[in-house]
């Protein structure tokens, strides 16, 4: 355990970022998910900064900062299940990072590795050293002890896989595709939950657990995360898009190149796709107009 000495700053406390999921209905305009950030969170090029008023310095001179404001500055949400022996799950529409207090082992953008210092819980908050936080997010973090400003450079994308795998249903007939879309529509209105567990247990989905659940019914075993599902199958252009294909969307500004998928849905034809996003959960949205048309990253044949 660490002996902590609280280092007070005179700067105003950070106003937390609140992520609001906007509904995208069948015959309604698609809305962007927005982040309402405090005035002391600011973007500068490929980095964001905020003022941290409650850092802690241990006897070894290491600076510890609370995890949640750092994540909020990047627009991430966190689901803390550590009180039940689980992980703190972090990401955008699905989980990209996982960690536990007291453990140096973390999961980050599909990789498992160790960070320099195990996170610690203090006064109900998870704290990390700036070195561990930088390693965890796979980015650079700069800390100014005089002003309390923390600058977080937007994370870079992981390297592309050397081989793209192809997944196919035994018989990819139009009847199979229609059955898959019909099955997906059975879940219309099922609630969205960030970092959702198995549907059989929780009766909720996040974007990638929904696509995974639907495809599994038809013998296609997709990975759990959108960023990993994006490596399955074959890239196609919009004019090649078939019913049942996966569509991946970027999260503008979340990464240096906007090249990591932050959302995924299933194309159902007629310029529409089915996915889960905020309220009302599983829904059908327009692909060729509205918000989603501007953030398409990849389209993928997997059937």
C-alpha atoms as a PDB file:
ATOM      1  CA  UNK A   1       0.000   0.000   0.000  1.00  0.00           C
ATOM      2  CA  UNK A   2       1.080   3.557  -0.533  1.00  0.00           C
ATOM      3  CA  UNK A   3       1.369   6.390   1.945  1.00  0.00           C
ATOM      4  CA  UNK A   4      -0.278   9.314   0.236  1.00  0.00           C
ATOM      5  CA  UNK A   5       0.136  13.013   0.747  1.00  0.00           C
ATOM      6  CA  UNK A   6      -2.607  15.093  -0.804  1.00  0.00           C
ATOM      7  CA  UNK A   7      -1.312  17.824  -3.068  1.00  0.00           C
ATOM      8  CA  UNK A   8      -3.842  20.629  -3.271  1.00  0.00           C
ATOM      9  CA  UNK A   9      -4.179  22.861  -6.288  1.00  0.00           C
ATOM     10  CA  UNK A  10      -5.980  26.196  -6.424  1.00  0.00           C
ATOM     11  CA  UNK A  11      -7.594  25.530  -9.789  1.00  0.00           C
ATOM     12  CA  UNK A  12     -11.343  24.987 -10.190  1.00  0.00           C
ATOM     13  CA  UNK A  13     -12.438  21.332 -10.186  1.00  0.00           C
ATOM     14  CA  UNK A  14     -13.030  19.641 -13.486  1.00  0.00           C
ATOM     15  CA  UNK A  15     -16.625  19.455 -14.650  1.00  0.00           C
ATOM     16  CA  UNK A  16     -17.175  15.818 -15.683  1.00  0.00           C
ATOM     17  CA  UNK A  17     -18.009  14.976 -19.254  1.00  0.00           C
ATOM     18  CA  UNK A  18     -21.486  13.559 -19.637  1.00  0.00           C
ATOM     19  CA  UNK A  19     -22.021  11.272 -22.586  1.00  0.00           C
ATOM     20  CA  UNK A  20     -25.524  11.423 -24.009  1.00  0.00           C
ATOM     21  CA  UNK A  21     -26.684   8.667 -26.332  1.00  0.00           C
ATOM     22  CA  UNK A  22     -29.132   9.959 -28.913  1.00  0.00           C
ATOM     23  CA  UNK A  23     -31.857   7.749 -30.282  1.00  0.00           C
ATOM     24  CA  UNK A  24     -31.968   6.990 -33.975  1.00  0.00           C
ATOM     25  CA  UNK A  25     -35.438   5.781 -34.890  1.00  0.00           C
ATOM     26  CA  UNK A  26     -36.818   4.147 -37.986  1.00  0.00           C
ATOM     27  CA  UNK A  27     -38.399   7.263 -39.475  1.00  0.00           C
ATOM     28  CA  UNK A  28     -36.650   9.930 -37.422  1.00  0.00           C
ATOM     29  CA  UNK A  29     -33.548  12.022 -38.019  1.00  0.00           C
ATOM     30  CA  UNK A  30     -30.359  10.390 -36.792  1.00  0.00           C
ATOM     31  CA  UNK A  31     -28.654  12.325 -34.033  1.00  0.00           C
ATOM     32  CA  UNK A  32     -25.033  12.428 -33.007  1.00  0.00           C
ATOM     33  CA  UNK A  33     -23.923  11.270 -29.584  1.00  0.00           C
ATOM     34  CA  UNK A  34     -22.513  14.374 -27.953  1.00  0.00           C
ATOM     35  CA  UNK A  35     -20.135  15.147 -25.115  1.00  0.00           C
ATOM     36  CA  UNK A  36     -20.915  18.049 -22.815  1.00  0.00           C
ATOM     37  CA  UNK A  37     -17.512  19.007 -21.457  1.00  0.00           C
ATOM     38  CA  UNK A  38     -16.470  21.513 -18.845  1.00  0.00           C
ATOM     39  CA  UNK A  39     -14.927  24.744 -19.997  1.00  0.00           C
ATOM     40  CA  UNK A  40     -11.552  23.676 -18.664  1.00  0.00           C
ATOM     41  CA  UNK A  41     -11.319  20.728 -21.063  1.00  0.00           C
ATOM     42  CA  UNK A  42      -9.767  21.944 -24.275  1.00  0.00           C
ATOM     43  CA  UNK A  43      -8.452  20.408 -27.467  1.00  0.00           C
ATOM     44  CA  UNK A  44      -5.134  21.382 -29.003  1.00  0.00           C
ATOM     45  CA  UNK A  45      -4.275  19.564 -32.227  1.00  0.00           C
ATOM     46  CA  UNK A  46      -4.158  15.840 -31.513  1.00  0.00           C
ATOM     47  CA  UNK A  47      -4.353  16.252 -27.721  1.00  0.00           C
ATOM     48  CA  UNK A  48      -6.826  17.213 -25.037  1.00  0.00           C
ATOM     49  CA  UNK A  49      -6.088  18.812 -21.697  1.00  0.00           C
ATOM     50  CA  UNK A  50      -7.896  19.330 -18.437  1.00  0.00           C
ATOM     51  CA  UNK A  51      -7.046  20.671 -15.000  1.00  0.00           C
ATOM     52  CA  UNK A  52      -6.797  18.099 -12.218  1.00  0.00           C
ATOM     53  CA  UNK A  53      -7.334  19.550  -8.734  1.00  0.00           C
ATOM     54  CA  UNK A  54      -6.858  16.371  -6.682  1.00  0.00           C
ATOM     55  CA  UNK A  55      -3.585  14.693  -7.649  1.00  0.00           C
ATOM     56  CA  UNK A  56      -1.756  12.669  -5.006  1.00  0.00           C
ATOM     57  CA  UNK A  57       1.996  12.414  -4.548  1.00  0.00           C
ATOM     58  CA  UNK A  58       3.341   9.315  -2.783  1.00  0.00           C
ATOM     59  CA  UNK A  59       6.520   9.084  -0.688  1.00  0.00           C
ATOM     60  CA  UNK A  60       8.438   8.003  -3.771  1.00  0.00           C
ATOM     61  CA  UNK A  61       7.524  11.168  -5.641  1.00  0.00           C
ATOM     62  CA  UNK A  62       5.103   9.494  -8.069  1.00  0.00           C
ATOM     63  CA  UNK A  63       2.037  11.477  -9.120  1.00  0.00           C
ATOM     64  CA  UNK A  64      -1.323   9.707  -8.983  1.00  0.00           C
ATOM     65  CA  UNK A  65      -4.424  11.088 -10.710  1.00  0.00           C
ATOM     66  CA  UNK A  66      -8.058   9.918 -10.593  1.00  0.00           C
ATOM     67  CA  UNK A  67      -8.959   7.794 -13.592  1.00  0.00           C
ATOM     68  CA  UNK A  68     -12.465   9.070 -14.318  1.00  0.00           C
ATOM     69  CA  UNK A  69     -11.659  12.724 -15.214  1.00  0.00           C
ATOM     70  CA  UNK A  70      -8.867  11.571 -17.524  1.00  0.00           C
ATOM     71  CA  UNK A  71     -11.269   9.262 -19.350  1.00  0.00           C
ATOM     72  CA  UNK A  72     -13.935  11.962 -19.457  1.00  0.00           C
ATOM     73  CA  UNK A  73     -11.518  14.320 -21.210  1.00  0.00           C
ATOM     74  CA  UNK A  74     -11.278  11.738 -24.025  1.00  0.00           C
ATOM     75  CA  UNK A  75     -15.046  11.230 -24.136  1.00  0.00           C
ATOM     76  CA  UNK A  76     -14.870   7.660 -22.798  1.00  0.00           C
ATOM     77  CA  UNK A  77     -17.358   6.139 -20.418  1.00  0.00           C
ATOM     78  CA  UNK A  78     -16.497   3.732 -17.611  1.00  0.00           C
ATOM     79  CA  UNK A  79     -18.414   0.852 -16.079  1.00  0.00           C
ATOM     80  CA  UNK A  80     -16.860  -0.065 -12.741  1.00  0.00           C
ATOM     81  CA  UNK A  81     -17.571  -3.663 -11.745  1.00  0.00           C
ATOM     82  CA  UNK A  82     -14.517  -4.026  -9.502  1.00  0.00           C
ATOM     83  CA  UNK A  83     -16.570  -4.093  -6.286  1.00  0.00           C
ATOM     84  CA  UNK A  84     -17.928  -7.467  -7.441  1.00  0.00           C
ATOM     85  CA  UNK A  85     -14.524  -8.803  -8.436  1.00  0.00           C
ATOM     86  CA  UNK A  86     -14.876  -7.727 -12.062  1.00  0.00           C
ATOM     87  CA  UNK A  87     -13.135  -5.119 -14.176  1.00  0.00           C
ATOM     88  CA  UNK A  88     -13.432  -1.424 -14.724  1.00  0.00           C
ATOM     89  CA  UNK A  89     -14.554  -1.414 -18.378  1.00  0.00           C
ATOM     90  CA  UNK A  90     -13.767   1.620 -20.490  1.00  0.00           C
ATOM     91  CA  UNK A  91     -14.620   2.628 -24.034  1.00  0.00           C
ATOM     92  CA  UNK A  92     -17.026   4.374 -26.327  1.00  0.00           C
ATOM     93  CA  UNK A  93     -19.896   2.198 -27.562  1.00  0.00           C
ATOM     94  CA  UNK A  94     -18.145  -1.020 -26.593  1.00  0.00           C
ATOM     95  CA  UNK A  95     -15.258  -1.861 -24.269  1.00  0.00           C
ATOM     96  CA  UNK A  96     -11.721  -1.031 -25.423  1.00  0.00           C
ATOM     97  CA  UNK A  97      -9.859  -1.023 -22.098  1.00  0.00           C
ATOM     98  CA  UNK A  98     -10.182  -3.096 -18.912  1.00  0.00           C
ATOM     99  CA  UNK A  99      -8.334  -2.943 -15.593  1.00  0.00           C
ATOM    100  CA  UNK A 100      -8.650  -3.831 -11.909  1.00  0.00           C
ATOM    101  CA  UNK A 101      -7.391  -1.892  -8.878  1.00  0.00           C
ATOM    102  CA  UNK A 102      -4.305  -3.530  -7.273  1.00  0.00           C
ATOM    103  CA  UNK A 103      -3.447  -5.415 -10.499  1.00  0.00           C
ATOM    104  CA  UNK A 104      -0.738  -4.366 -12.948  1.00  0.00           C
ATOM    105  CA  UNK A 105      -2.274  -6.544 -15.667  1.00  0.00           C
ATOM    106  CA  UNK A 106      -4.569  -4.646 -18.049  1.00  0.00           C
ATOM    107  CA  UNK A 107      -6.329  -5.090 -21.377  1.00  0.00           C
ATOM    108  CA  UNK A 108      -5.861  -2.277 -23.860  1.00  0.00           C
ATOM    109  CA  UNK A 109      -7.084  -2.145 -27.467  1.00  0.00           C
ATOM    110  CA  UNK A 110      -7.069  -5.919 -27.746  1.00  0.00           C
ATOM    111  CA  UNK A 111      -3.713  -6.423 -26.032  1.00  0.00           C
ATOM    112  CA  UNK A 112      -2.893  -7.762 -22.570  1.00  0.00           C
ATOM    113  CA  UNK A 113       0.165  -6.361 -20.827  1.00  0.00           C
ATOM    114  CA  UNK A 114       1.442  -4.955 -17.531  1.00  0.00           C
ATOM    115  CA  UNK A 115       1.609  -1.312 -16.460  1.00  0.00           C
ATOM    116  CA  UNK A 116       4.356   0.115 -14.211  1.00  0.00           C
ATOM    117  CA  UNK A 117       2.179   0.654 -11.115  1.00  0.00           C
ATOM    118  CA  UNK A 118      -1.019  -1.118 -10.090  1.00  0.00           C
ATOM    119  CA  UNK A 119      -4.044   1.205  -9.834  1.00  0.00           C
ATOM    120  CA  UNK A 120      -5.190   2.049  -6.309  1.00  0.00           C
ATOM    121  CA  UNK A 121      -8.588   2.940  -4.895  1.00  0.00           C
ATOM    122  CA  UNK A 122      -8.807   5.928  -2.560  1.00  0.00           C
ATOM    123  CA  UNK A 123     -11.959   7.591  -1.254  1.00  0.00           C
ATOM    124  CA  UNK A 124     -14.066   5.594  -3.693  1.00  0.00           C
ATOM    125  CA  UNK A 125     -12.047   6.662  -6.748  1.00  0.00           C
ATOM    126  CA  UNK A 126      -9.550   4.721  -8.852  1.00  0.00           C
ATOM    127  CA  UNK A 127      -6.155   6.426  -9.093  1.00  0.00           C
ATOM    128  CA  UNK A 128      -3.314   5.672 -11.518  1.00  0.00           C
ATOM    129  CA  UNK A 129       0.178   7.072 -11.866  1.00  0.00           C
ATOM    130  CA  UNK A 130       0.600   9.214 -14.956  1.00  0.00           C
ATOM    131  CA  UNK A 131       3.119   6.659 -16.307  1.00  0.00           C
ATOM    132  CA  UNK A 132       0.662   3.790 -15.877  1.00  0.00           C
ATOM    133  CA  UNK A 133      -2.204   5.790 -17.365  1.00  0.00           C
ATOM    134  CA  UNK A 134      -0.106   6.596 -20.432  1.00  0.00           C
ATOM    135  CA  UNK A 135       0.813   2.943 -20.862  1.00  0.00           C
ATOM    136  CA  UNK A 136      -2.787   1.835 -20.294  1.00  0.00           C
ATOM    137  CA  UNK A 137      -4.178   4.192 -22.953  1.00  0.00           C
ATOM    138  CA  UNK A 138      -1.147   3.611 -25.223  1.00  0.00           C
ATOM    139  CA  UNK A 139      -0.484   7.314 -25.565  1.00  0.00           C
ATOM    140  CA  UNK A 140       1.590  10.168 -24.164  1.00  0.00           C
ATOM    141  CA  UNK A 141       0.521  12.088 -21.070  1.00  0.00           C
ATOM    142  CA  UNK A 142       2.132  15.297 -19.822  1.00  0.00           C
ATOM    143  CA  UNK A 143       1.563  16.674 -16.306  1.00  0.00           C
ATOM    144  CA  UNK A 144       2.294  20.250 -15.189  1.00  0.00           C
ATOM    145  CA  UNK A 145       2.444  20.229 -11.365  1.00  0.00           C
ATOM    146  CA  UNK A 146       2.380  24.026 -11.162  1.00  0.00           C
ATOM    147  CA  UNK A 147      -0.846  24.576 -13.095  1.00  0.00           C
ATOM    148  CA  UNK A 148      -2.424  21.158 -12.520  1.00  0.00           C
ATOM    149  CA  UNK A 149      -2.901  20.757 -16.279  1.00  0.00           C
ATOM    150  CA  UNK A 150      -2.827  17.246 -17.724  1.00  0.00           C
ATOM    151  CA  UNK A 151      -2.379  16.896 -21.471  1.00  0.00           C
ATOM    152  CA  UNK A 152      -3.461  13.575 -23.006  1.00  0.00           C
ATOM    153  CA  UNK A 153      -2.470  12.923 -26.600  1.00  0.00           C
ATOM    154  CA  UNK A 154      -5.161  11.096 -28.527  1.00  0.00           C
ATOM    155  CA  UNK A 155      -4.382   7.361 -28.654  1.00  0.00           C
ATOM    156  CA  UNK A 156      -2.898   5.936 -31.841  1.00  0.00           C
ATOM    157  CA  UNK A 157      -4.420   3.043 -33.718  1.00  0.00           C
ATOM    158  CA  UNK A 158      -2.980  -0.466 -33.312  1.00  0.00           C
ATOM    159  CA  UNK A 159      -1.197  -1.981 -36.282  1.00  0.00           C
ATOM    160  CA  UNK A 160      -3.320  -3.689 -38.927  1.00  0.00           C
ATOM    161  CA  UNK A 161      -3.495  -7.493 -38.673  1.00  0.00           C
ATOM    162  CA  UNK A 162      -1.295  -9.394 -41.077  1.00  0.00           C
ATOM    163  CA  UNK A 163      -4.155 -11.606 -42.214  1.00  0.00           C
ATOM    164  CA  UNK A 164      -7.887 -10.929 -42.596  1.00  0.00           C
ATOM    165  CA  UNK A 165     -10.012 -13.974 -41.850  1.00  0.00           C
ATOM    166  CA  UNK A 166     -13.118 -14.871 -43.803  1.00  0.00           C
ATOM    167  CA  UNK A 167     -16.262 -16.187 -42.112  1.00  0.00           C
ATOM    168  CA  UNK A 168     -19.119 -17.696 -44.073  1.00  0.00           C
ATOM    169  CA  UNK A 169     -22.424 -19.370 -43.274  1.00  0.00           C
ATOM    170  CA  UNK A 170     -22.542 -22.898 -44.724  1.00  0.00           C
ATOM    171  CA  UNK A 171     -25.092 -21.741 -47.302  1.00  0.00           C
ATOM    172  CA  UNK A 172     -25.083 -17.974 -47.822  1.00  0.00           C
ATOM    173  CA  UNK A 173     -28.286 -17.923 -49.859  1.00  0.00           C
ATOM    174  CA  UNK A 174     -30.697 -15.002 -49.922  1.00  0.00           C
ATOM    175  CA  UNK A 175     -32.971 -17.103 -47.699  1.00  0.00           C
ATOM    176  CA  UNK A 176     -30.212 -17.322 -45.069  1.00  0.00           C
ATOM    177  CA  UNK A 177     -29.661 -13.575 -45.239  1.00  0.00           C
ATOM    178  CA  UNK A 178     -33.368 -12.833 -44.886  1.00  0.00           C
ATOM    179  CA  UNK A 179     -33.496 -15.173 -41.896  1.00  0.00           C
ATOM    180  CA  UNK A 180     -30.558 -13.373 -40.281  1.00  0.00           C
ATOM    181  CA  UNK A 181     -32.185  -9.953 -40.738  1.00  0.00           C
ATOM    182  CA  UNK A 182     -35.524 -11.261 -39.494  1.00  0.00           C
ATOM    183  CA  UNK A 183     -33.783 -12.665 -36.420  1.00  0.00           C
ATOM    184  CA  UNK A 184     -31.994  -9.360 -35.756  1.00  0.00           C
ATOM    185  CA  UNK A 185     -35.317  -7.497 -35.910  1.00  0.00           C
ATOM    186  CA  UNK A 186     -36.715  -9.694 -33.133  1.00  0.00           C
ATOM    187  CA  UNK A 187     -34.583  -7.682 -30.726  1.00  0.00           C
ATOM    188  CA  UNK A 188     -35.945  -4.257 -31.648  1.00  0.00           C
ATOM    189  CA  UNK A 189     -36.168  -2.181 -28.473  1.00  0.00           C
ATOM    190  CA  UNK A 190     -33.905  -4.429 -26.375  1.00  0.00           C
ATOM    191  CA  UNK A 191     -32.047  -1.956 -24.108  1.00  0.00           C
ATOM    192  CA  UNK A 192     -28.515  -0.774 -24.812  1.00  0.00           C
ATOM    193  CA  UNK A 193     -25.947  -1.285 -22.045  1.00  0.00           C
ATOM    194  CA  UNK A 194     -22.303  -0.304 -22.302  1.00  0.00           C
ATOM    195  CA  UNK A 195     -20.111  -3.375 -21.755  1.00  0.00           C
ATOM    196  CA  UNK A 196     -23.160  -5.652 -21.784  1.00  0.00           C
ATOM    197  CA  UNK A 197     -22.705  -9.222 -20.663  1.00  0.00           C
ATOM    198  CA  UNK A 198     -24.283 -12.248 -22.300  1.00  0.00           C
ATOM    199  CA  UNK A 199     -27.782 -11.477 -23.570  1.00  0.00           C
ATOM    200  CA  UNK A 200     -29.075 -14.684 -22.000  1.00  0.00           C
ATOM    201  CA  UNK A 201     -28.086 -13.330 -18.570  1.00  0.00           C
ATOM    202  CA  UNK A 202     -28.741  -9.584 -18.814  1.00  0.00           C
ATOM    203  CA  UNK A 203     -31.217  -9.129 -21.718  1.00  0.00           C
ATOM    204  CA  UNK A 204     -29.176  -6.128 -22.938  1.00  0.00           C
ATOM    205  CA  UNK A 205     -26.706  -5.476 -25.762  1.00  0.00           C
ATOM    206  CA  UNK A 206     -24.000  -3.073 -26.719  1.00  0.00           C
ATOM    207  CA  UNK A 207     -23.245  -2.601 -30.411  1.00  0.00           C
ATOM    208  CA  UNK A 208     -20.766  -5.437 -30.874  1.00  0.00           C
ATOM    209  CA  UNK A 209     -22.438  -7.927 -28.525  1.00  0.00           C
ATOM    210  CA  UNK A 210     -25.596  -7.472 -30.629  1.00  0.00           C
ATOM    211  CA  UNK A 211     -23.883  -8.245 -33.942  1.00  0.00           C
ATOM    212  CA  UNK A 212     -22.022 -11.127 -32.323  1.00  0.00           C
ATOM    213  CA  UNK A 213     -25.260 -12.592 -30.910  1.00  0.00           C
ATOM    214  CA  UNK A 214     -27.085 -12.370 -34.236  1.00  0.00           C
ATOM    215  CA  UNK A 215     -24.285 -13.888 -36.302  1.00  0.00           C
ATOM    216  CA  UNK A 216     -23.671 -16.674 -33.785  1.00  0.00           C
ATOM    217  CA  UNK A 217     -27.240 -17.899 -34.376  1.00  0.00           C
ATOM    218  CA  UNK A 218     -26.184 -18.575 -37.987  1.00  0.00           C
ATOM    219  CA  UNK A 219     -22.890 -20.294 -37.231  1.00  0.00           C
ATOM    220  CA  UNK A 220     -20.577 -17.279 -37.535  1.00  0.00           C
ATOM    221  CA  UNK A 221     -18.442 -16.740 -34.426  1.00  0.00           C
ATOM    222  CA  UNK A 222     -17.446 -13.056 -34.373  1.00  0.00           C
ATOM    223  CA  UNK A 223     -15.056 -11.565 -31.791  1.00  0.00           C
ATOM    224  CA  UNK A 224     -16.578  -9.576 -28.924  1.00  0.00           C
ATOM    225  CA  UNK A 225     -15.343  -6.066 -29.820  1.00  0.00           C
ATOM    226  CA  UNK A 226     -16.181  -3.903 -32.848  1.00  0.00           C
ATOM    227  CA  UNK A 227     -12.496  -3.194 -33.499  1.00  0.00           C
ATOM    228  CA  UNK A 228     -11.828  -6.946 -33.770  1.00  0.00           C
ATOM    229  CA  UNK A 229     -14.963  -7.733 -35.782  1.00  0.00           C
ATOM    230  CA  UNK A 230     -13.636  -5.197 -38.287  1.00  0.00           C
ATOM    231  CA  UNK A 231     -10.795  -7.607 -39.104  1.00  0.00           C
ATOM    232  CA  UNK A 232     -13.146 -10.383 -40.192  1.00  0.00           C
ATOM    233  CA  UNK A 233     -14.343 -10.902 -43.732  1.00  0.00           C
ATOM    234  CA  UNK A 234     -13.669  -8.780 -46.821  1.00  0.00           C
ATOM    235  CA  UNK A 235     -13.863  -5.015 -47.330  1.00  0.00           C
ATOM    236  CA  UNK A 236     -16.513  -3.819 -49.784  1.00  0.00           C
ATOM    237  CA  UNK A 237     -17.586  -0.468 -51.187  1.00  0.00           C
ATOM    238  CA  UNK A 238     -21.023   1.059 -50.744  1.00  0.00           C
ATOM    239  CA  UNK A 239     -22.208  -0.088 -54.184  1.00  0.00           C
ATOM    240  CA  UNK A 240     -21.139  -3.656 -53.300  1.00  0.00           C
ATOM    241  CA  UNK A 241     -22.907  -3.714 -49.936  1.00  0.00           C
ATOM    242  CA  UNK A 242     -25.219  -6.685 -49.473  1.00  0.00           C
ATOM    243  CA  UNK A 243     -27.888  -7.355 -46.888  1.00  0.00           C
ATOM    244  CA  UNK A 244     -26.319  -8.961 -43.832  1.00  0.00           C
ATOM    245  CA  UNK A 245     -22.981  -7.172 -44.217  1.00  0.00           C
ATOM    246  CA  UNK A 246     -21.396  -5.423 -41.260  1.00  0.00           C
ATOM    247  CA  UNK A 247     -20.914  -1.653 -41.279  1.00  0.00           C
ATOM    248  CA  UNK A 248     -18.303  -0.027 -39.037  1.00  0.00           C
ATOM    249  CA  UNK A 249     -18.314   3.585 -37.950  1.00  0.00           C
ATOM    250  CA  UNK A 250     -15.546   5.838 -36.713  1.00  0.00           C
ATOM    251  CA  UNK A 251     -15.649   8.114 -33.687  1.00  0.00           C
ATOM    252  CA  UNK A 252     -14.313  11.443 -34.991  1.00  0.00           C
ATOM    253  CA  UNK A 253     -11.397  12.782 -32.969  1.00  0.00           C
ATOM    254  CA  UNK A 254     -11.189   9.750 -30.689  1.00  0.00           C
ATOM    255  CA  UNK A 255      -7.957   8.499 -32.243  1.00  0.00           C
ATOM    256  CA  UNK A 256      -5.197  10.142 -34.266  1.00  0.00           C
ATOM    257  CA  UNK A 257      -6.411   8.777 -37.591  1.00  0.00           C
ATOM    258  CA  UNK A 258     -10.079   8.084 -36.796  1.00  0.00           C
ATOM    259  CA  UNK A 259      -9.317   4.545 -37.969  1.00  0.00           C
ATOM    260  CA  UNK A 260     -10.521   2.477 -35.016  1.00  0.00           C
ATOM    261  CA  UNK A 261     -14.179   1.409 -35.201  1.00  0.00           C
ATOM    262  CA  UNK A 262     -16.303   2.806 -32.410  1.00  0.00           C
ATOM    263  CA  UNK A 263     -19.613   1.369 -33.577  1.00  0.00           C
ATOM    264  CA  UNK A 264     -20.983  -1.485 -35.720  1.00  0.00           C
ATOM    265  CA  UNK A 265     -24.322  -2.441 -37.251  1.00  0.00           C
ATOM    266  CA  UNK A 266     -25.853  -4.867 -39.772  1.00  0.00           C
ATOM    267  CA  UNK A 267     -27.020  -3.703 -43.206  1.00  0.00           C
ATOM    268  CA  UNK A 268     -30.642  -4.733 -43.870  1.00  0.00           C
ATOM    269  CA  UNK A 269     -31.130  -3.236 -47.330  1.00  0.00           C
ATOM    270  CA  UNK A 270     -32.888  -0.144 -48.705  1.00  0.00           C
ATOM    271  CA  UNK A 271     -30.242   2.146 -47.249  1.00  0.00           C
ATOM    272  CA  UNK A 272     -30.882   1.095 -43.646  1.00  0.00           C
ATOM    273  CA  UNK A 273     -29.010  -0.794 -40.946  1.00  0.00           C
ATOM    274  CA  UNK A 274     -29.937  -2.298 -37.579  1.00  0.00           C
ATOM    275  CA  UNK A 275     -27.826  -1.609 -34.504  1.00  0.00           C
ATOM    276  CA  UNK A 276     -28.044  -0.666 -30.842  1.00  0.00           C
ATOM    277  CA  UNK A 277     -27.221   2.804 -29.602  1.00  0.00           C
ATOM    278  CA  UNK A 278     -28.509   4.564 -26.510  1.00  0.00           C
ATOM    279  CA  UNK A 279     -32.269   4.835 -26.142  1.00  0.00           C
ATOM    280  CA  UNK A 280     -34.377   2.957 -27.346  1.00  0.00           C
ATOM    281  CA  UNK A 281     -31.687   0.284 -27.748  1.00  0.00           C
ATOM    282  CA  UNK A 282     -31.848  -1.945 -30.826  1.00  0.00           C
ATOM    283  CA  UNK A 283     -33.160   0.226 -33.654  1.00  0.00           C
ATOM    284  CA  UNK A 284     -33.052   0.802 -37.415  1.00  0.00           C
ATOM    285  CA  UNK A 285     -31.290   3.871 -38.813  1.00  0.00           C
ATOM    286  CA  UNK A 286     -30.539   5.441 -42.192  1.00  0.00           C
ATOM    287  CA  UNK A 287     -27.145   4.708 -43.683  1.00  0.00           C
ATOM    288  CA  UNK A 288     -27.086   7.213 -46.555  1.00  0.00           C
ATOM    289  CA  UNK A 289     -28.324  10.312 -44.749  1.00  0.00           C
ATOM    290  CA  UNK A 290     -28.058  11.879 -41.327  1.00  0.00           C
ATOM    291  CA  UNK A 291     -25.257  11.490 -38.811  1.00  0.00           C
ATOM    292  CA  UNK A 292     -24.233   7.929 -39.616  1.00  0.00           C
ATOM    293  CA  UNK A 293     -23.607   8.623 -43.315  1.00  0.00           C
ATOM    294  CA  UNK A 294     -20.754  10.958 -42.329  1.00  0.00           C
ATOM    295  CA  UNK A 295     -18.888   8.557 -40.033  1.00  0.00           C
ATOM    296  CA  UNK A 296     -18.806   5.310 -42.042  1.00  0.00           C
ATOM    297  CA  UNK A 297     -15.391   3.700 -41.679  1.00  0.00           C
ATOM    298  CA  UNK A 298     -15.592   0.250 -43.319  1.00  0.00           C
ATOM    299  CA  UNK A 299     -18.128  -2.107 -44.841  1.00  0.00           C
ATOM    300  CA  UNK A 300     -17.472  -5.797 -44.579  1.00  0.00           C
ATOM    301  CA  UNK A 301     -18.739  -9.011 -46.215  1.00  0.00           C
ATOM    302  CA  UNK A 302     -18.762 -11.755 -43.602  1.00  0.00           C
ATOM    303  CA  UNK A 303     -21.496 -14.048 -44.959  1.00  0.00           C
END
